[in-house]
Amino acid sequence: MLVLIECKYHKNPIKREVVQVLLDKLRATGAQKGIVFSTVKFQKGAIEFAQAHGIALVMVANGKTMYVTRSANQATASDDLPSYVCWLVRLTGSGDQKLHPLFDDYAPLVESLHL
């Protein structure tokens, strides 16, 4: 299986055109899957296009983005956080953006690639 990966270090959110170019490369090379890693967010059009074509979008962020207070009694200690974390970027059925952390469980990434 051939997987093409593109890594983007942009100042602005990733546009649909970036994902379209990767799809063209997938077709030209005969690759089965594609993933775009970025240090910034993805525009909604890019996410919709990626989902429609089985391309995974992953945002690489500071590990502090993992810090979530679940209640007044529970919180993740900042010492336990990784330096970096990868977030799988998807849209919900209602069109809202949802991030899935990938630092321990890669099942959402595999699922997004339709493997």
PDB file of N, CA and C in Angstrom:
ATOM      1  N   MET A   1       0.835  -1.167   0.000  1.00  0.00           N
ATOM      2  CA  MET A   1       0.000   0.000   0.000  1.00  0.00           C
ATOM      3  C   MET A   1       0.885   1.237   0.000  1.00  0.00           C
ATOM      4  N   LEU A   2       0.558   2.187  -0.860  1.00  0.00           N
ATOM      5  CA  LEU A   2       1.303   3.436  -0.940  1.00  0.00           C
ATOM      6  C   LEU A   2       0.471   4.553  -0.325  1.00  0.00           C
ATOM      7  N   VAL A   3       1.042   5.246   0.665  1.00  0.00           N
ATOM      8  CA  VAL A   3       0.389   6.366   1.331  1.00  0.00           C
ATOM      9  C   VAL A   3       1.244   7.600   1.096  1.00  0.00           C
ATOM     10  N   LEU A   4       0.637   8.668   0.575  1.00  0.00           N
ATOM     11  CA  LEU A   4       1.340   9.933   0.396  1.00  0.00           C
ATOM     12  C   LEU A   4       1.040  10.846   1.573  1.00  0.00           C
ATOM     13  N   ILE A   5       2.081  11.470   2.089  1.00  0.00           N
ATOM     14  CA  ILE A   5       1.948  12.368   3.233  1.00  0.00           C
ATOM     15  C   ILE A   5       2.506  13.723   2.853  1.00  0.00           C
ATOM     16  N   GLU A   6       1.745  14.769   3.146  1.00  0.00           N
ATOM     17  CA  GLU A   6       2.219  16.135   2.943  1.00  0.00           C
ATOM     18  C   GLU A   6       2.234  16.829   4.292  1.00  0.00           C
ATOM     19  N   CYS A   7       3.275  17.580   4.557  1.00  0.00           N
ATOM     20  CA  CYS A   7       3.406  18.324   5.808  1.00  0.00           C
ATOM     21  C   CYS A   7       3.432  19.810   5.472  1.00  0.00           C
ATOM     22  N   LYS A   8       2.559  20.562   6.128  1.00  0.00           N
ATOM     23  CA  LYS A   8       2.413  21.989   5.839  1.00  0.00           C
ATOM     24  C   LYS A   8       2.722  22.814   7.081  1.00  0.00           C
ATOM     25  N   TYR A   9       3.518  23.848   6.886  1.00  0.00           N
ATOM     26  CA  TYR A   9       3.875  24.781   7.948  1.00  0.00           C
ATOM     27  C   TYR A   9       3.496  26.171   7.444  1.00  0.00           C
ATOM     28  N   HIS A  10       2.201  26.485   7.510  1.00  0.00           N
ATOM     29  CA  HIS A  10       1.668  27.734   6.980  1.00  0.00           C
ATOM     30  C   HIS A  10       1.282  28.676   8.114  1.00  0.00           C
ATOM     31  N   LYS A  11       1.086  29.940   7.777  1.00  0.00           N
ATOM     32  CA  LYS A  11       0.606  30.921   8.754  1.00  0.00           C
ATOM     33  C   LYS A  11      -0.915  30.952   8.796  1.00  0.00           C
ATOM     34  N   ASN A  12      -1.556  30.642   7.673  1.00  0.00           N
ATOM     35  CA  ASN A  12      -3.016  30.710   7.561  1.00  0.00           C
ATOM     36  C   ASN A  12      -3.604  29.303   7.472  1.00  0.00           C
ATOM     37  N   PRO A  13      -4.909  29.165   7.793  1.00  0.00           N
ATOM     38  CA  PRO A  13      -5.551  27.847   7.705  1.00  0.00           C
ATOM     39  C   PRO A  13      -5.385  27.222   6.319  1.00  0.00           C
ATOM     40  N   ILE A  14      -5.282  25.909   6.313  1.00  0.00           N
ATOM     41  CA  ILE A  14      -5.071  25.154   5.071  1.00  0.00           C
ATOM     42  C   ILE A  14      -6.350  25.170   4.239  1.00  0.00           C
ATOM     43  N   LYS A  15      -6.191  25.518   2.968  1.00  0.00           N
ATOM     44  CA  LYS A  15      -7.333  25.634   2.059  1.00  0.00           C
ATOM     45  C   LYS A  15      -7.614  24.318   1.346  1.00  0.00           C
ATOM     46  N   ARG A  16      -8.788  24.257   0.757  1.00  0.00           N
ATOM     47  CA  ARG A  16      -9.226  23.086  -0.003  1.00  0.00           C
ATOM     48  C   ARG A  16      -8.241  22.741  -1.123  1.00  0.00           C
ATOM     49  N   GLU A  17      -7.652  23.744  -1.735  1.00  0.00           N
ATOM     50  CA  GLU A  17      -6.747  23.519  -2.859  1.00  0.00           C
ATOM     51  C   GLU A  17      -5.568  22.625  -2.481  1.00  0.00           C
ATOM     52  N   VAL A  18      -5.098  22.746  -1.254  1.00  0.00           N
ATOM     53  CA  VAL A  18      -3.980  21.908  -0.791  1.00  0.00           C
ATOM     54  C   VAL A  18      -4.386  20.440  -0.817  1.00  0.00           C
ATOM     55  N   VAL A  19      -5.603  20.159  -0.378  1.00  0.00           N
ATOM     56  CA  VAL A  19      -6.102  18.785  -0.358  1.00  0.00           C
ATOM     57  C   VAL A  19      -6.369  18.303  -1.781  1.00  0.00           C
ATOM     58  N   GLN A  20      -6.857  19.195  -2.643  1.00  0.00           N
ATOM     59  CA  GLN A  20      -7.099  18.827  -4.041  1.00  0.00           C
ATOM     60  C   GLN A  20      -5.798  18.444  -4.744  1.00  0.00           C
ATOM     61  N   VAL A  21      -4.739  19.177  -4.467  1.00  0.00           N
ATOM     62  CA  VAL A  21      -3.437  18.862  -5.070  1.00  0.00           C
ATOM     63  C   VAL A  21      -2.969  17.480  -4.598  1.00  0.00           C
ATOM     64  N   LEU A  22      -3.161  17.181  -3.325  1.00  0.00           N
ATOM     65  CA  LEU A  22      -2.774  15.853  -2.840  1.00  0.00           C
ATOM     66  C   LEU A  22      -3.595  14.772  -3.527  1.00  0.00           C
ATOM     67  N   LEU A  23      -4.889  15.001  -3.729  1.00  0.00           N
ATOM     68  CA  LEU A  23      -5.716  14.020  -4.439  1.00  0.00           C
ATOM     69  C   LEU A  23      -5.188  13.805  -5.853  1.00  0.00           C
ATOM     70  N   ASP A  24      -4.794  14.879  -6.534  1.00  0.00           N
ATOM     71  CA  ASP A  24      -4.212  14.745  -7.878  1.00  0.00           C
ATOM     72  C   ASP A  24      -2.937  13.907  -7.842  1.00  0.00           C
ATOM     73  N   LYS A  25      -2.111  14.106  -6.817  1.00  0.00           N
ATOM     74  CA  LYS A  25      -0.877  13.324  -6.669  1.00  0.00           C
ATOM     75  C   LYS A  25      -1.192  11.857  -6.393  1.00  0.00           C
ATOM     76  N   LEU A  26      -2.239  11.611  -5.593  1.00  0.00           N
ATOM     77  CA  LEU A  26      -2.649  10.230  -5.325  1.00  0.00           C
ATOM     78  C   LEU A  26      -3.020   9.532  -6.632  1.00  0.00           C
ATOM     79  N   ARG A  27      -3.802  10.215  -7.423  1.00  0.00           N
ATOM     80  CA  ARG A  27      -4.231   9.640  -8.706  1.00  0.00           C
ATOM     81  C   ARG A  27      -3.062   9.437  -9.663  1.00  0.00           C
ATOM     82  N   ALA A  28      -2.154  10.408  -9.701  1.00  0.00           N
ATOM     83  CA  ALA A  28      -1.011  10.334 -10.626  1.00  0.00           C
ATOM     84  C   ALA A  28      -0.040   9.220 -10.260  1.00  0.00           C
ATOM     85  N   THR A  29       0.129   8.965  -8.968  1.00  0.00           N
ATOM     86  CA  THR A  29       1.090   7.950  -8.525  1.00  0.00           C
ATOM     87  C   THR A  29       0.466   6.583  -8.302  1.00  0.00           C
ATOM     88  N   GLY A  30      -0.866   6.541  -8.257  1.00  0.00           N
ATOM     89  CA  GLY A  30      -1.537   5.284  -7.970  1.00  0.00           C
ATOM     90  C   GLY A  30      -1.561   4.956  -6.487  1.00  0.00           C
ATOM     91  N   ALA A  31      -1.246   5.948  -5.659  1.00  0.00           N
ATOM     92  CA  ALA A  31      -1.268   5.735  -4.200  1.00  0.00           C
ATOM     93  C   ALA A  31      -2.704   5.510  -3.732  1.00  0.00           C
ATOM     94  N   GLN A  32      -2.832   4.723  -2.669  1.00  0.00           N
ATOM     95  CA  GLN A  32      -4.163   4.387  -2.177  1.00  0.00           C
ATOM     96  C   GLN A  32      -4.691   5.385  -1.144  1.00  0.00           C
ATOM     97  N   LYS A  33      -3.823   6.019  -0.384  1.00  0.00           N
ATOM     98  CA  LYS A  33      -4.254   6.889   0.710  1.00  0.00           C
ATOM     99  C   LYS A  33      -3.383   8.130   0.794  1.00  0.00           C
ATOM    100  N   GLY A  34      -3.930   9.170   1.451  1.00  0.00           N
ATOM    101  CA  GLY A  34      -3.188  10.401   1.638  1.00  0.00           C
ATOM    102  C   GLY A  34      -3.477  11.027   2.989  1.00  0.00           C
ATOM    103  N   ILE A  35      -2.479  11.708   3.536  1.00  0.00           N
ATOM    104  CA  ILE A  35      -2.610  12.388   4.816  1.00  0.00           C
ATOM    105  C   ILE A  35      -1.935  13.754   4.694  1.00  0.00           C
ATOM    106  N   VAL A  36      -2.596  14.799   5.207  1.00  0.00           N
ATOM    107  CA  VAL A  36      -1.994  16.123   5.281  1.00  0.00           C
ATOM    108  C   VAL A  36      -1.791  16.450   6.756  1.00  0.00           C
ATOM    109  N   PHE A  37      -0.544  16.701   7.141  1.00  0.00           N
ATOM    110  CA  PHE A  37      -0.205  17.158   8.489  1.00  0.00           C
ATOM    111  C   PHE A  37      -0.001  18.662   8.404  1.00  0.00           C
ATOM    112  N   SER A  38      -0.501  19.390   9.400  1.00  0.00           N
ATOM    113  CA  SER A  38      -0.370  20.835   9.399  1.00  0.00           C
ATOM    114  C   SER A  38      -0.176  21.347  10.821  1.00  0.00           C
ATOM    115  N   THR A  39       0.490  22.502  10.910  1.00  0.00           N
ATOM    116  CA  THR A  39       0.654  23.145  12.213  1.00  0.00           C
ATOM    117  C   THR A  39      -0.422  24.204  12.439  1.00  0.00           C
ATOM    118  N   VAL A  40      -1.314  24.385  11.463  1.00  0.00           N
ATOM    119  CA  VAL A  40      -2.433  25.320  11.598  1.00  0.00           C
ATOM    120  C   VAL A  40      -3.745  24.586  11.297  1.00  0.00           C
ATOM    121  N   LYS A  41      -4.848  25.259  11.529  1.00  0.00           N
ATOM    122  CA  LYS A  41      -6.165  24.668  11.291  1.00  0.00           C
ATOM    123  C   LYS A  41      -6.427  24.479   9.806  1.00  0.00           C
ATOM    124  N   PHE A  42      -7.495  23.745   9.519  1.00  0.00           N
ATOM    125  CA  PHE A  42      -7.953  23.512   8.153  1.00  0.00           C
ATOM    126  C   PHE A  42      -9.258  24.258   7.939  1.00  0.00           C
ATOM    127  N   GLN A  43      -9.425  24.853   6.759  1.00  0.00           N
ATOM    128  CA  GLN A  43     -10.697  25.488   6.441  1.00  0.00           C
ATOM    129  C   GLN A  43     -11.759  24.411   6.259  1.00  0.00           C
ATOM    130  N   LYS A  44     -13.021  24.796   6.477  1.00  0.00           N
ATOM    131  CA  LYS A  44     -14.125  23.838   6.395  1.00  0.00           C
ATOM    132  C   LYS A  44     -14.179  23.157   5.026  1.00  0.00           C
ATOM    133  N   GLY A  45     -13.948  23.907   3.951  1.00  0.00           N
ATOM    134  CA  GLY A  45     -13.965  23.320   2.613  1.00  0.00           C
ATOM    135  C   GLY A  45     -12.903  22.248   2.430  1.00  0.00           C
ATOM    136  N   ALA A  46     -11.746  22.444   3.047  1.00  0.00           N
ATOM    137  CA  ALA A  46     -10.673  21.449   2.983  1.00  0.00           C
ATOM    138  C   ALA A  46     -11.085  20.177   3.719  1.00  0.00           C
ATOM    139  N   ILE A  47     -11.738  20.353   4.859  1.00  0.00           N
ATOM    140  CA  ILE A  47     -12.172  19.194   5.647  1.00  0.00           C
ATOM    141  C   ILE A  47     -13.245  18.418   4.898  1.00  0.00           C
ATOM    142  N   GLU A  48     -14.218  19.126   4.337  1.00  0.00           N
ATOM    143  CA  GLU A  48     -15.293  18.461   3.580  1.00  0.00           C
ATOM    144  C   GLU A  48     -14.723  17.687   2.400  1.00  0.00           C
ATOM    145  N   PHE A  49     -13.818  18.297   1.652  1.00  0.00           N
ATOM    146  CA  PHE A  49     -13.212  17.651   0.486  1.00  0.00           C
ATOM    147  C   PHE A  49     -12.410  16.424   0.905  1.00  0.00           C
ATOM    148  N   ALA A  50     -11.625  16.569   1.966  1.00  0.00           N
ATOM    149  CA  ALA A  50     -10.805  15.450   2.446  1.00  0.00           C
ATOM    150  C   ALA A  50     -11.678  14.274   2.855  1.00  0.00           C
ATOM    151  N   GLN A  51     -12.730  14.537   3.595  1.00  0.00           N
ATOM    152  CA  GLN A  51     -13.622  13.454   4.033  1.00  0.00           C
ATOM    153  C   GLN A  51     -14.278  12.774   2.841  1.00  0.00           C
ATOM    154  N   ALA A  52     -14.668  13.542   1.844  1.00  0.00           N
ATOM    155  CA  ALA A  52     -15.324  12.976   0.664  1.00  0.00           C
ATOM    156  C   ALA A  52     -14.392  12.069  -0.138  1.00  0.00           C
ATOM    157  N   HIS A  53     -13.070  12.291  -0.014  1.00  0.00           N
ATOM    158  CA  HIS A  53     -12.106  11.537  -0.813  1.00  0.00           C
ATOM    159  C   HIS A  53     -11.191  10.633   0.014  1.00  0.00           C
ATOM    160  N   GLY A  54     -11.523  10.414   1.289  1.00  0.00           N
ATOM    161  CA  GLY A  54     -10.749   9.488   2.116  1.00  0.00           C
ATOM    162  C   GLY A  54      -9.350   9.958   2.449  1.00  0.00           C
ATOM    163  N   ILE A  55      -9.172  11.280   2.530  1.00  0.00           N
ATOM    164  CA  ILE A  55      -7.871  11.845   2.893  1.00  0.00           C
ATOM    165  C   ILE A  55      -7.943  12.294   4.344  1.00  0.00           C
ATOM    166  N   ALA A  56      -6.952  11.919   5.132  1.00  0.00           N
ATOM    167  CA  ALA A  56      -6.933  12.290   6.550  1.00  0.00           C
ATOM    168  C   ALA A  56      -6.239  13.638   6.720  1.00  0.00           C
ATOM    169  N   LEU A  57      -6.775  14.446   7.619  1.00  0.00           N
ATOM    170  CA  LEU A  57      -6.178  15.733   7.970  1.00  0.00           C
ATOM    171  C   LEU A  57      -5.769  15.683   9.429  1.00  0.00           C
ATOM    172  N   VAL A  58      -4.510  16.012   9.704  1.00  0.00           N
ATOM    173  CA  VAL A  58      -3.983  15.935  11.062  1.00  0.00           C
ATOM    174  C   VAL A  58      -3.324  17.265  11.416  1.00  0.00           C
ATOM    175  N   MET A  59      -3.766  17.845  12.521  1.00  0.00           N
ATOM    176  CA  MET A  59      -3.171  19.086  13.000  1.00  0.00           C
ATOM    177  C   MET A  59      -2.199  18.748  14.125  1.00  0.00           C
ATOM    178  N   VAL A  60      -0.961  19.204  13.994  1.00  0.00           N
ATOM    179  CA  VAL A  60       0.064  18.998  15.010  1.00  0.00           C
ATOM    180  C   VAL A  60       0.068  20.246  15.890  1.00  0.00           C
ATOM    181  N   ALA A  61      -0.075  20.045  17.216  1.00  0.00           N
ATOM    182  CA  ALA A  61      -0.192  21.183  18.125  1.00  0.00           C
ATOM    183  C   ALA A  61       0.624  20.957  19.386  1.00  0.00           C
ATOM    184  N   ASN A  62       0.761  22.001  20.147  1.00  0.00           N
ATOM    185  CA  ASN A  62       1.413  21.936  21.445  1.00  0.00           C
ATOM    186  C   ASN A  62       0.641  20.951  22.322  1.00  0.00           C
ATOM    187  N   GLY A  63       1.347  20.159  23.088  1.00  0.00           N
ATOM    188  CA  GLY A  63       0.704  19.179  23.957  1.00  0.00           C
ATOM    189  C   GLY A  63      -0.239  19.788  24.966  1.00  0.00           C
ATOM    190  N   LYS A  64      -0.068  21.060  25.263  1.00  0.00           N
ATOM    191  CA  LYS A  64      -0.960  21.721  26.222  1.00  0.00           C
ATOM    192  C   LYS A  64      -2.392  21.782  25.712  1.00  0.00           C
ATOM    193  N   THR A  65      -2.590  21.579  24.411  1.00  0.00           N
ATOM    194  CA  THR A  65      -3.956  21.561  23.881  1.00  0.00           C
ATOM    195  C   THR A  65      -4.718  20.335  24.374  1.00  0.00           C
ATOM    196  N   MET A  66      -4.012  19.384  24.977  1.00  0.00           N
ATOM    197  CA  MET A  66      -4.661  18.190  25.533  1.00  0.00           C
ATOM    198  C   MET A  66      -5.283  18.445  26.899  1.00  0.00           C
ATOM    199  N   TYR A  67      -4.944  19.570  27.516  1.00  0.00           N
ATOM    200  CA  TYR A  67      -5.406  19.849  28.866  1.00  0.00           C
ATOM    201  C   TYR A  67      -6.905  20.129  28.853  1.00  0.00           C
ATOM    202  N   VAL A  68      -7.668  19.287  29.531  1.00  0.00           N
ATOM    203  CA  VAL A  68      -9.116  19.439  29.600  1.00  0.00           C
ATOM    204  C   VAL A  68      -9.545  19.222  31.041  1.00  0.00           C
ATOM    205  N   THR A  69     -10.309  20.151  31.573  1.00  0.00           N
ATOM    206  CA  THR A  69     -10.880  19.971  32.904  1.00  0.00           C
ATOM    207  C   THR A  69     -12.246  19.346  32.729  1.00  0.00           C
ATOM    208  N   ARG A  70     -12.417  18.147  33.248  1.00  0.00           N
ATOM    209  CA  ARG A  70     -13.685  17.435  33.073  1.00  0.00           C
ATOM    210  C   ARG A  70     -14.704  17.808  34.137  1.00  0.00           C
ATOM    211  N   SER A  71     -14.247  18.178  35.297  1.00  0.00           N
ATOM    212  CA  SER A  71     -15.135  18.649  36.361  1.00  0.00           C
ATOM    213  C   SER A  71     -14.262  19.387  37.354  1.00  0.00           C
ATOM    214  N   ALA A  72     -14.893  19.937  38.354  1.00  0.00           N
ATOM    215  CA  ALA A  72     -14.130  20.673  39.364  1.00  0.00           C
ATOM    216  C   ALA A  72     -13.183  19.748  40.114  1.00  0.00           C
ATOM    217  N   ASN A  73     -13.478  18.447  40.131  1.00  0.00           N
ATOM    218  CA  ASN A  73     -12.676  17.485  40.885  1.00  0.00           C
ATOM    219  C   ASN A  73     -11.626  16.767  40.049  1.00  0.00           C
ATOM    220  N   GLN A  74     -11.691  16.879  38.721  1.00  0.00           N
ATOM    221  CA  GLN A  74     -10.756  16.142  37.872  1.00  0.00           C
ATOM    222  C   GLN A  74     -10.083  17.087  36.893  1.00  0.00           C
ATOM    223  N   ALA A  75      -8.809  16.960  36.773  1.00  0.00           N
ATOM    224  CA  ALA A  75      -8.059  17.724  35.769  1.00  0.00           C
ATOM    225  C   ALA A  75      -6.800  16.948  35.442  1.00  0.00           C
ATOM    226  N   THR A  76      -6.340  17.078  34.217  1.00  0.00           N
ATOM    227  CA  THR A  76      -5.104  16.428  33.801  1.00  0.00           C
ATOM    228  C   THR A  76      -3.942  17.304  34.248  1.00  0.00           C
ATOM    229  N   ALA A  77      -3.013  16.725  34.949  1.00  0.00           N
ATOM    230  CA  ALA A  77      -1.847  17.480  35.403  1.00  0.00           C
ATOM    231  C   ALA A  77      -1.001  17.888  34.204  1.00  0.00           C
ATOM    232  N   SER A  78      -0.557  19.116  34.184  1.00  0.00           N
ATOM    233  CA  SER A  78       0.208  19.604  33.040  1.00  0.00           C
ATOM    234  C   SER A  78       1.528  18.844  32.880  1.00  0.00           C
ATOM    235  N   ASP A  79       2.042  18.251  33.952  1.00  0.00           N
ATOM    236  CA  ASP A  79       3.280  17.477  33.857  1.00  0.00           C
ATOM    237  C   ASP A  79       3.096  16.197  33.055  1.00  0.00           C
ATOM    238  N   ASP A  80       1.857  15.729  32.954  1.00  0.00           N
ATOM    239  CA  ASP A  80       1.570  14.489  32.240  1.00  0.00           C
ATOM    240  C   ASP A  80       1.357  14.693  30.743  1.00  0.00           C
ATOM    241  N   LEU A  81       1.363  15.925  30.279  1.00  0.00           N
ATOM    242  CA  LEU A  81       1.047  16.208  28.891  1.00  0.00           C
ATOM    243  C   LEU A  81       2.269  16.016  27.999  1.00  0.00           C
ATOM    244  N   PRO A  82       2.049  15.517  26.780  1.00  0.00           N
ATOM    245  CA  PRO A  82       3.176  15.374  25.845  1.00  0.00           C
ATOM    246  C   PRO A  82       3.607  16.743  25.327  1.00  0.00           C
ATOM    247  N   SER A  83       4.787  16.822  24.752  1.00  0.00           N
ATOM    248  CA  SER A  83       5.266  18.079  24.178  1.00  0.00           C
ATOM    249  C   SER A  83       4.425  18.489  22.973  1.00  0.00           C
ATOM    250  N   TYR A  84       4.045  17.497  22.174  1.00  0.00           N
ATOM    251  CA  TYR A  84       3.230  17.729  20.988  1.00  0.00           C
ATOM    252  C   TYR A  84       2.128  16.687  20.941  1.00  0.00           C
ATOM    253  N   VAL A  85       1.068  17.017  20.249  1.00  0.00           N
ATOM    254  CA  VAL A  85      -0.034  16.083  20.066  1.00  0.00           C
ATOM    255  C   VAL A  85      -0.561  16.243  18.642  1.00  0.00           C
ATOM    256  N   CYS A  86      -1.058  15.160  18.091  1.00  0.00           N
ATOM    257  CA  CYS A  86      -1.684  15.207  16.775  1.00  0.00           C
ATOM    258  C   CYS A  86      -3.190  15.078  16.945  1.00  0.00           C
ATOM    259  N   TRP A  87      -3.912  15.930  16.248  1.00  0.00           N
ATOM    260  CA  TRP A  87      -5.373  15.925  16.269  1.00  0.00           C
ATOM    261  C   TRP A  87      -5.895  15.549  14.882  1.00  0.00           C
ATOM    262  N   LEU A  88      -6.701  14.497  14.790  1.00  0.00           N
ATOM    263  CA  LEU A  88      -7.379  14.172  13.546  1.00  0.00           C
ATOM    264  C   LEU A  88      -8.541  15.144  13.408  1.00  0.00           C
ATOM    265  N   VAL A  89      -8.633  15.819  12.278  1.00  0.00           N
ATOM    266  CA  VAL A  89      -9.648  16.842  12.056  1.00  0.00           C
ATOM    267  C   VAL A  89     -10.766  16.245  11.206  1.00  0.00           C
ATOM    268  N   ARG A  90     -11.979  16.291  11.728  1.00  0.00           N
ATOM    269  CA  ARG A  90     -13.158  15.748  11.034  1.00  0.00           C
ATOM    270  C   ARG A  90     -14.331  16.701  11.221  1.00  0.00           C
ATOM    271  N   LEU A  91     -15.373  16.529  10.429  1.00  0.00           N
ATOM    272  CA  LEU A  91     -16.614  17.256  10.614  1.00  0.00           C
ATOM    273  C   LEU A  91     -17.664  16.292  11.126  1.00  0.00           C
ATOM    274  N   THR A  92     -18.505  16.769  12.032  1.00  0.00           N
ATOM    275  CA  THR A  92     -19.611  15.957  12.533  1.00  0.00           C
ATOM    276  C   THR A  92     -20.730  15.972  11.500  1.00  0.00           C
ATOM    277  N   GLY A  93     -21.759  15.183  11.739  1.00  0.00           N
ATOM    278  CA  GLY A  93     -22.911  15.154  10.841  1.00  0.00           C
ATOM    279  C   GLY A  93     -23.584  16.502  10.700  1.00  0.00           C
ATOM    280  N   SER A  94     -23.485  17.333  11.733  1.00  0.00           N
ATOM    281  CA  SER A  94     -24.098  18.667  11.687  1.00  0.00           C
ATOM    282  C   SER A  94     -23.154  19.714  11.096  1.00  0.00           C
ATOM    283  N   GLY A  95     -21.959  19.310  10.667  1.00  0.00           N
ATOM    284  CA  GLY A  95     -21.026  20.222  10.024  1.00  0.00           C
ATOM    285  C   GLY A  95     -20.074  20.946  10.951  1.00  0.00           C
ATOM    286  N   ASP A  96     -20.087  20.567  12.233  1.00  0.00           N
ATOM    287  CA  ASP A  96     -19.166  21.173  13.187  1.00  0.00           C
ATOM    288  C   ASP A  96     -17.823  20.456  13.142  1.00  0.00           C
ATOM    289  N   GLN A  97     -16.752  21.198  13.355  1.00  0.00           N
ATOM    290  CA  GLN A  97     -15.422  20.602  13.371  1.00  0.00           C
ATOM    291  C   GLN A  97     -15.203  19.865  14.679  1.00  0.00           C
ATOM    292  N   LYS A  98     -14.631  18.662  14.588  1.00  0.00           N
ATOM    293  CA  LYS A  98     -14.318  17.870  15.782  1.00  0.00           C
ATOM    294  C   LYS A  98     -12.877  17.397  15.678  1.00  0.00           C
ATOM    295  N   LEU A  99     -12.167  17.482  16.793  1.00  0.00           N
ATOM    296  CA  LEU A  99     -10.776  17.041  16.858  1.00  0.00           C
ATOM    297  C   LEU A  99     -10.680  15.763  17.677  1.00  0.00           C
ATOM    298  N   HIS A 100      -9.962  14.783  17.167  1.00  0.00           N
ATOM    299  CA  HIS A 100      -9.748  13.506  17.849  1.00  0.00           C
ATOM    300  C   HIS A 100      -8.260  13.390  18.170  1.00  0.00           C
ATOM    301  N   PRO A 101      -7.880  13.291  19.441  1.00  0.00           N
ATOM    302  CA  PRO A 101      -6.443  13.177  19.765  1.00  0.00           C
ATOM    303  C   PRO A 101      -5.881  11.849  19.284  1.00  0.00           C
ATOM    304  N   LEU A 102      -4.652  11.884  18.781  1.00  0.00           N
ATOM    305  CA  LEU A 102      -4.033  10.681  18.215  1.00  0.00           C
ATOM    306  C   LEU A 102      -2.752  10.264  18.922  1.00  0.00           C
ATOM    307  N   PHE A 103      -2.455  10.789  20.094  1.00  0.00           N
ATOM    308  CA  PHE A 103      -1.162  10.454  20.682  1.00  0.00           C
ATOM    309  C   PHE A 103      -1.107   9.047  21.253  1.00  0.00           C
ATOM    310  N   ASP A 104      -2.230   8.419  21.558  1.00  0.00           N
ATOM    311  CA  ASP A 104      -2.236   7.046  22.059  1.00  0.00           C
ATOM    312  C   ASP A 104      -3.038   6.103  21.165  1.00  0.00           C
ATOM    313  N   ASP A 105      -4.128   6.603  20.609  1.00  0.00           N
ATOM    314  CA  ASP A 105      -5.057   5.756  19.875  1.00  0.00           C
ATOM    315  C   ASP A 105      -5.131   6.206  18.426  1.00  0.00           C
ATOM    316  N   TYR A 106      -4.630   5.389  17.513  1.00  0.00           N
ATOM    317  CA  TYR A 106      -4.618   5.762  16.110  1.00  0.00           C
ATOM    318  C   TYR A 106      -5.813   5.195  15.353  1.00  0.00           C
ATOM    319  N   ALA A 107      -6.755   4.578  16.052  1.00  0.00           N
ATOM    320  CA  ALA A 107      -7.933   4.011  15.403  1.00  0.00           C
ATOM    321  C   ALA A 107      -8.721   5.059  14.607  1.00  0.00           C
ATOM    322  N   PRO A 108      -8.934   6.287  15.138  1.00  0.00           N
ATOM    323  CA  PRO A 108      -9.674   7.276  14.328  1.00  0.00           C
ATOM    324  C   PRO A 108      -8.960   7.628  13.025  1.00  0.00           C
ATOM    325  N   LEU A 109      -7.625   7.666  13.040  1.00  0.00           N
ATOM    326  CA  LEU A 109      -6.871   7.955  11.818  1.00  0.00           C
ATOM    327  C   LEU A 109      -7.061   6.827  10.809  1.00  0.00           C
ATOM    328  N   VAL A 110      -6.932   5.599  11.265  1.00  0.00           N
ATOM    329  CA  VAL A 110      -7.109   4.438  10.375  1.00  0.00           C
ATOM    330  C   VAL A 110      -8.530   4.434   9.823  1.00  0.00           C
ATOM    331  N   GLU A 111      -9.511   4.736  10.665  1.00  0.00           N
ATOM    332  CA  GLU A 111     -10.910   4.762  10.228  1.00  0.00           C
ATOM    333  C   GLU A 111     -11.127   5.851   9.163  1.00  0.00           C
ATOM    334  N   SER A 112     -10.498   7.024   9.347  1.00  0.00           N
ATOM    335  CA  SER A 112     -10.680   8.121   8.400  1.00  0.00           C
ATOM    336  C   SER A 112     -10.083   7.778   7.032  1.00  0.00           C
ATOM    337  N   LEU A 113      -9.099   6.926   6.995  1.00  0.00           N
ATOM    338  CA  LEU A 113      -8.467   6.512   5.745  1.00  0.00           C
ATOM    339  C   LEU A 113      -9.220   5.362   5.078  1.00  0.00           C
ATOM    340  N   HIS A 114     -10.279   4.881   5.702  1.00  0.00           N
ATOM    341  CA  HIS A 114     -11.091   3.787   5.171  1.00  0.00           C
ATOM    342  C   HIS A 114     -10.259   2.539   4.904  1.00  0.00           C
ATOM    343  N   LEU A 115      -9.393   2.195   5.849  1.00  0.00           N
ATOM    344  CA  LEU A 115      -8.541   1.007   5.690  1.00  0.00           C
ATOM    345  C   LEU A 115      -9.292  -0.246   6.086  1.00  0.00           C
TER     346      LEU A 115
END
